[in-house]
C-alpha atoms as a PDB file:
ATOM      1  CA  MET A   1     107.901 101.911 113.288  1.00  0.00           C
ATOM      2  CA  ASP A   2     107.874 105.479 112.028  1.00  0.00           C
ATOM      3  CA  ILE A   3     107.283 105.247 108.271  1.00  0.00           C
ATOM      4  CA  GLU A   4     108.482 108.808 107.571  1.00  0.00           C
ATOM      5  CA  ARG A   5     111.719 108.179 109.462  1.00  0.00           C
ATOM      6  CA  PHE A   6     112.199 104.828 107.713  1.00  0.00           C
ATOM      7  CA  VAL A   7     111.841 106.517 104.310  1.00  0.00           C
ATOM      8  CA  GLU A   8     114.233 109.317 105.332  1.00  0.00           C
ATOM      9  CA  ASP A   9     116.791 106.727 106.467  1.00  0.00           C
ATOM     10  CA  CYS A  10     116.465 104.834 103.164  1.00  0.00           C
ATOM     11  CA  VAL A  11     116.863 108.039 101.130  1.00  0.00           C
ATOM     12  CA  ALA A  12     119.992 108.944 103.115  1.00  0.00           C
ATOM     13  CA  ALA A  13     121.396 105.399 102.762  1.00  0.00           C
ATOM     14  CA  ASN A  14     120.778 105.539  99.010  1.00  0.00           C
ATOM     15  CA  CYS A  15     123.446 108.287  98.827  1.00  0.00           C
ATOM     16  CA  GLU A  16     126.143 105.956 100.186  1.00  0.00           C
ATOM     17  CA  SER A  17     128.814 104.525  97.871  1.00  0.00           C
ATOM     18  CA  ASP A  18     127.204 101.047  98.062  1.00  0.00           C
ATOM     19  CA  ALA A  19     123.602 102.203  98.063  1.00  0.00           C
ATOM     20  CA  GLN A  20     121.990  98.765  97.892  1.00  0.00           C
ATOM     21  CA  ASP A  21     123.860  97.417 100.919  1.00  0.00           C
ATOM     22  CA  ALA A  22     123.287 100.620 102.896  1.00  0.00           C
ATOM     23  CA  VAL A  23     119.545 100.562 102.155  1.00  0.00           C
ATOM     24  CA  LEU A  24     119.428  96.826 102.939  1.00  0.00           C
ATOM     25  CA  GLU A  25     120.837  97.598 106.416  1.00  0.00           C
ATOM     26  CA  VAL A  26     118.012 100.076 107.029  1.00  0.00           C
ATOM     27  CA  LEU A  27     115.452  97.523 105.846  1.00  0.00           C
ATOM     28  CA  ALA A  28     116.996  94.744 107.958  1.00  0.00           C
ATOM     29  CA  ARG A  29     116.726  96.938 111.073  1.00  0.00           C
ATOM     30  CA  ALA A  30     113.047  97.533 110.326  1.00  0.00           C
ATOM     31  CA  MET A  31     112.428  93.807 109.810  1.00  0.00           C
ATOM     32  CA  GLU A  32     113.860  93.042 113.247  1.00  0.00           C
ATOM     33  CA  ASN A  33     110.393  93.982 114.497  1.00  0.00           C
ATOM     34  CA  PRO A  34     107.907  92.767 111.875  1.00  0.00           C
ATOM     35  CA  ALA A  35     104.964  93.356 114.243  1.00  0.00           C
ATOM     36  CA  ALA A  36     105.822  97.066 114.363  1.00  0.00           C
ATOM     37  CA  CYS A  37     105.941  97.162 110.553  1.00  0.00           C
ATOM     38  CA  LEU A  38     102.563  95.441 110.373  1.00  0.00           C
ATOM     39  CA  LYS A  39     101.095  97.925 112.842  1.00  0.00           C
ATOM     40  CA  ALA A  40     102.495 100.907 110.924  1.00  0.00           C
ATOM     41  CA  LEU A  41     101.517  99.643 107.462  1.00  0.00           C
ATOM     42  CA  GLY A  42      98.286  97.885 108.365  1.00  0.00           C
ATOM     43  CA  GLU A  43      97.050  94.344 107.926  1.00  0.00           C
ATOM     44  CA  PRO A  44      96.942  93.473 104.205  1.00  0.00           C
ATOM     45  CA  GLU A  45      93.385  93.068 102.922  1.00  0.00           C
ATOM     46  CA  ARG A  46      93.879  93.031  99.144  1.00  0.00           C
ATOM     47  CA  ALA A  47      96.657  92.787  96.559  1.00  0.00           C
ATOM     48  CA  ASP A  48      98.119  96.246  96.729  1.00  0.00           C
ATOM     49  CA  ILE A  49     101.126  98.431  96.115  1.00  0.00           C
ATOM     50  CA  ASN A  50     101.250 101.305  98.601  1.00  0.00           C
ATOM     51  CA  VAL A  51     103.919 103.765  97.473  1.00  0.00           C
ATOM     52  CA  LEU A  52     105.874 105.267 100.364  1.00  0.00           C
ATOM     53  CA  HIS A  53     108.511 107.077  98.271  1.00  0.00           C
ATOM     54  CA  ARG A  54     109.145 107.525  94.570  1.00  0.00           C
ATOM     55  CA  SER A  55     111.985 109.326  92.834  1.00  0.00           C
ATOM     56  CA  GLU A  56     114.297 108.729  89.874  1.00  0.00           C
ATOM     57  CA  THR A  57     116.815 107.002  92.160  1.00  0.00           C
ATOM     58  CA  LEU A  58     114.670 105.198  94.743  1.00  0.00           C
ATOM     59  CA  THR A  59     111.213 103.634  95.006  1.00  0.00           C
ATOM     60  CA  ILE A  60     109.840 102.275  98.274  1.00  0.00           C
ATOM     61  CA  PHE A  61     106.476 100.584  98.602  1.00  0.00           C
ATOM     62  CA  SER A  62     104.671  98.059 100.713  1.00  0.00           C
ATOM     63  CA  ALA A  63     103.284  95.204  98.651  1.00  0.00           C
ATOM     64  CA  ALA A  64     100.512  92.860  99.696  1.00  0.00           C
ATOM     65  CA  TRP A  65     100.120  89.446  98.062  1.00  0.00           C
ATOM     66  CA  THR A  66      96.730  87.746  98.204  1.00  0.00           C
ATOM     67  CA  PRO A  67      96.556  84.165  99.457  1.00  0.00           C
ATOM     68  CA  GLN A  68      98.293  81.869  96.967  1.00  0.00           C
ATOM     69  CA  MET A  69      99.082  84.730  94.569  1.00  0.00           C
ATOM     70  CA  ASN A  70     101.669  84.100  91.846  1.00  0.00           C
ATOM     71  CA  LEU A  71     103.621  86.637  89.855  1.00  0.00           C
ATOM     72  CA  MET A  72     105.246  85.297  86.690  1.00  0.00           C
ATOM     73  CA  PRO A  73     108.981  85.654  86.033  1.00  0.00           C
ATOM     74  CA  HIS A  74     109.962  89.299  85.744  1.00  0.00           C
ATOM     75  CA  ASN A  75     112.966  91.556  86.007  1.00  0.00           C
ATOM     76  CA  HIS A  76     113.431  95.006  87.514  1.00  0.00           C
ATOM     77  CA  LEU A  77     116.510  96.320  85.667  1.00  0.00           C
ATOM     78  CA  MET A  78     117.588  97.891  88.943  1.00  0.00           C
ATOM     79  CA  TRP A  79     118.674  96.485  92.281  1.00  0.00           C
ATOM     80  CA  ALA A  80     115.928  95.450  94.687  1.00  0.00           C
ATOM     81  CA  ASN A  81     115.723  94.836  98.427  1.00  0.00           C
ATOM     82  CA  ILE A  82     112.761  92.960  99.898  1.00  0.00           C
ATOM     83  CA  GLY A  83     111.708  92.545 103.524  1.00  0.00           C
ATOM     84  CA  ILE A  84     108.729  90.467 104.673  1.00  0.00           C
ATOM     85  CA  TYR A  85     106.758  91.752 107.670  1.00  0.00           C
ATOM     86  CA  THR A  86     103.912  89.214 107.540  1.00  0.00           C
ATOM     87  CA  GLY A  87     103.441  85.909 105.748  1.00  0.00           C
ATOM     88  CA  ARG A  88     105.884  84.297 103.353  1.00  0.00           C
ATOM     89  CA  GLU A  89     107.253  84.854  99.849  1.00  0.00           C
ATOM     90  CA  ASP A  90     108.753  82.078  97.709  1.00  0.00           C
ATOM     91  CA  ASN A  91     111.044  83.211  94.910  1.00  0.00           C
ATOM     92  CA  ILE A  92     112.274  81.154  91.975  1.00  0.00           C
ATOM     93  CA  MET A  93     115.383  82.626  90.393  1.00  0.00           C
ATOM     94  CA  TRP A  94     115.677  82.483  86.611  1.00  0.00           C
ATOM     95  CA  ARG A  95     118.362  83.173  84.014  1.00  0.00           C
ATOM     96  CA  ARG A  96     118.349  83.410  80.262  1.00  0.00           C
ATOM     97  CA  GLY A  97     119.220  80.094  78.611  1.00  0.00           C
ATOM     98  CA  GLU A  98     119.924  79.223  74.999  1.00  0.00           C
ATOM     99  CA  ARG A  99     116.242  78.665  74.153  1.00  0.00           C
ATOM    100  CA  ARG A 100     114.321  80.164  77.076  1.00  0.00           C
ATOM    101  CA  LEU A 101     114.514  81.060  80.732  1.00  0.00           C
ATOM    102  CA  GLU A 102     115.925  78.427  83.053  1.00  0.00           C
ATOM    103  CA  GLY A 103     115.220  78.121  86.748  1.00  0.00           C
ATOM    104  CA  PHE A 104     118.425  77.890  88.758  1.00  0.00           C
ATOM    105  CA  GLY A 105     117.626  78.604  92.375  1.00  0.00           C
ATOM    106  CA  ALA A 106     115.045  79.473  94.978  1.00  0.00           C
ATOM    107  CA  LYS A 107     114.808  81.723  97.998  1.00  0.00           C
ATOM    108  CA  THR A 108     112.072  81.593 100.631  1.00  0.00           C
ATOM    109  CA  LEU A 109     111.502  84.682 102.747  1.00  0.00           C
ATOM    110  CA  PHE A 110     109.699  84.332 106.056  1.00  0.00           C
ATOM    111  CA  GLU A 111     108.435  87.071 108.346  1.00  0.00           C
ATOM    112  CA  GLY A 112     111.415  89.224 109.342  1.00  0.00           C
ATOM    113  CA  ASP A 113     113.656  88.075 106.458  1.00  0.00           C
ATOM    114  CA  VAL A 114     115.303  90.377 103.929  1.00  0.00           C
ATOM    115  CA  ALA A 115     116.852  89.675 100.545  1.00  0.00           C
ATOM    116  CA  ALA A 116     118.820  91.622  97.974  1.00  0.00           C
ATOM    117  CA  LEU A 117     118.352  91.102  94.233  1.00  0.00           C
ATOM    118  CA  ALA A 118     120.959  92.216  91.713  1.00  0.00           C
ATOM    119  CA  PHE A 119     120.282  94.653  88.877  1.00  0.00           C
ATOM    120  CA  ASP A 120     119.940  91.805  86.363  1.00  0.00           C
ATOM    121  CA  ALA A 121     117.910  89.392  88.536  1.00  0.00           C
ATOM    122  CA  ILE A 122     114.890  87.620  87.087  1.00  0.00           C
ATOM    123  CA  HIS A 123     112.516  86.021  89.578  1.00  0.00           C
ATOM    124  CA  SER A 124     108.962  84.797  90.016  1.00  0.00           C
ATOM    125  CA  VAL A 125     107.101  85.181  93.291  1.00  0.00           C
ATOM    126  CA  THR A 126     104.514  83.036  95.053  1.00  0.00           C
ATOM    127  CA  ASN A 127     102.651  83.513  98.293  1.00  0.00           C
ATOM    128  CA  PRO A 128     102.029  79.837  99.160  1.00  0.00           C
ATOM    129  CA  LEU A 129      99.978  80.644 102.253  1.00  0.00           C
ATOM    130  CA  PRO A 130      96.183  80.691 102.626  1.00  0.00           C
ATOM    131  CA  ARG A 131      96.538  84.241 104.053  1.00  0.00           C
ATOM    132  CA  PHE A 132      98.010  87.536 102.919  1.00  0.00           C
ATOM    133  CA  THR A 133     101.721  88.285 102.745  1.00  0.00           C
ATOM    134  CA  GLY A 134     103.071  91.798 103.212  1.00  0.00           C
ATOM    135  CA  GLY A 135     106.514  93.103 102.382  1.00  0.00           C
ATOM    136  CA  ILE A 136     108.479  96.270 101.906  1.00  0.00           C
ATOM    137  CA  HIS A 137     110.083  96.488  98.461  1.00  0.00           C
ATOM    138  CA  ILE A 138     112.844  98.994  97.739  1.00  0.00           C
ATOM    139  CA  TYR A 139     114.270  99.622  94.275  1.00  0.00           C
ATOM    140  CA  GLY A 140     117.324 101.546  93.114  1.00  0.00           C
ATOM    141  CA  GLY A 141     115.409 103.622  90.569  1.00  0.00           C
ATOM    142  CA  ASP A 142     111.903 104.609  89.505  1.00  0.00           C
ATOM    143  CA  PHE A 143     110.125 101.254  89.575  1.00  0.00           C
ATOM    144  CA  PHE A 144     107.009 102.624  87.885  1.00  0.00           C
ATOM    145  CA  ASP A 145     108.703 104.405  84.990  1.00  0.00           C
ATOM    146  CA  THR A 146     111.244 101.757  83.955  1.00  0.00           C
ATOM    147  CA  PRO A 147     110.364  99.571  80.958  1.00  0.00           C
ATOM    148  CA  ARG A 148     111.317  95.976  81.703  1.00  0.00           C
ATOM    149  CA  SER A 149     110.142  92.442  80.981  1.00  0.00           C
ATOM    150  CA  LEU A 150     107.940  89.706  82.302  1.00  0.00           C
ATOM    151  CA  TRP A 151     107.659  86.192  80.968  1.00  0.00           C
ATOM    152  CA  ASP A 152     104.506  84.240  80.260  1.00  0.00           C
ATOM    153  CA  PRO A 153     104.260  81.591  83.028  1.00  0.00           C
ATOM    154  CA  GLU A 154     103.355  78.822  80.594  1.00  0.00           C
ATOM    155  CA  THR A 155     105.428  79.544  77.483  1.00  0.00           C
ATOM    156  CA  LEU A 156     108.148  81.716  79.061  1.00  0.00           C
ATOM    157  CA  GLU A 157     107.712  84.137  76.160  1.00  0.00           C
ATOM    158  CA  GLU A 158     109.212  87.520  77.037  1.00  0.00           C
ATOM    159  CA  LYS A 159     106.812  90.480  77.040  1.00  0.00           C
ATOM    160  CA  PRO A 160     107.161  94.167  77.920  1.00  0.00           C
ATOM    161  CA  SER A 161     106.259  95.293  81.427  1.00  0.00           C
ATOM    162  CA  ASP A 162     106.218  98.419  83.552  1.00  0.00           C
ATOM    163  CA  GLY A 163     104.445  99.767  86.627  1.00  0.00           C
ATOM    164  CA  ALA A 164     101.069  99.925  84.866  1.00  0.00           C
ATOM    165  CA  VAL A 165     101.307  96.260  83.812  1.00  0.00           C
ATOM    166  CA  ILE A 166     102.151  95.221  87.376  1.00  0.00           C
ATOM    167  CA  ARG A 167      99.278  97.268  88.838  1.00  0.00           C
ATOM    168  CA  ALA A 168      96.875  95.568  86.381  1.00  0.00           C
ATOM    169  CA  ILE A 169      98.120  92.148  87.552  1.00  0.00           C
ATOM    170  CA  PHE A 170      97.387  93.139  91.155  1.00  0.00           C
ATOM    171  CA  GLU A 171      93.872  94.295  90.195  1.00  0.00           C
ATOM    172  CA  ARG A 172      93.173  90.985  88.420  1.00  0.00           C
ATOM    173  CA  GLU A 173      94.362  89.203  91.541  1.00  0.00           C
ATOM    174  CA  ASN A 174      91.864  91.171  93.635  1.00  0.00           C
ATOM    175  CA  GLU A 175      89.097  90.146  91.222  1.00  0.00           C
ATOM    176  CA  ARG A 176      90.216  86.500  91.523  1.00  0.00           C
ATOM    177  CA  LEU A 177      90.106  86.757  95.321  1.00  0.00           C
ATOM    178  CA  GLU A 178      86.662  88.362  95.276  1.00  0.00           C
ATOM    179  CA  ASN A 179      85.336  85.631  92.973  1.00  0.00           C
ATOM    180  CA  ARG A 180      86.709  82.966  95.336  1.00  0.00           C
ATOM    181  CA  ARG A 181      84.995  84.649  98.286  1.00  0.00           C
ATOM    182  CA  GLU A 182      81.666  84.733  96.428  1.00  0.00           C
ATOM    183  CA  ALA A 183      81.856  81.078  95.375  1.00  0.00           C
END
């Protein structure tokens, strides 16, 4: 896998009339060979967000989930495409109910799988495996500069979120992993 070419193809696809579907096709082609993605991006060793491209209209990064990492319900306020090149990602889909969020579906992504999330999707993510999961995440906007929400996992209270909040969650996850290794 040539990362520069992959990014160029995603940027070009993002100019199509149905940008999300066009970009999803590029991602699906890349996920046909997850081993090549793993070789190009490297074996995940820590919770990480490695930005491959960032603009006002498109963000592409590889994300690594630590073993058994959980990310509380959150939204993106832009479309999202996800492809898993190693491990597994379990998603619970949520929607706003009368009193709080309600779970209404689930989607499990295995190595080589891709998924598209709508602009208004709310989901939580779990890596249920005792090893790292790696995926390519593509967003139809500037993921890091878009104010959005996340929900407390216990109370489902809505709170503000953005790229800095997500990065802090990943850093706390690395600390959790390090503490588990030392124990």
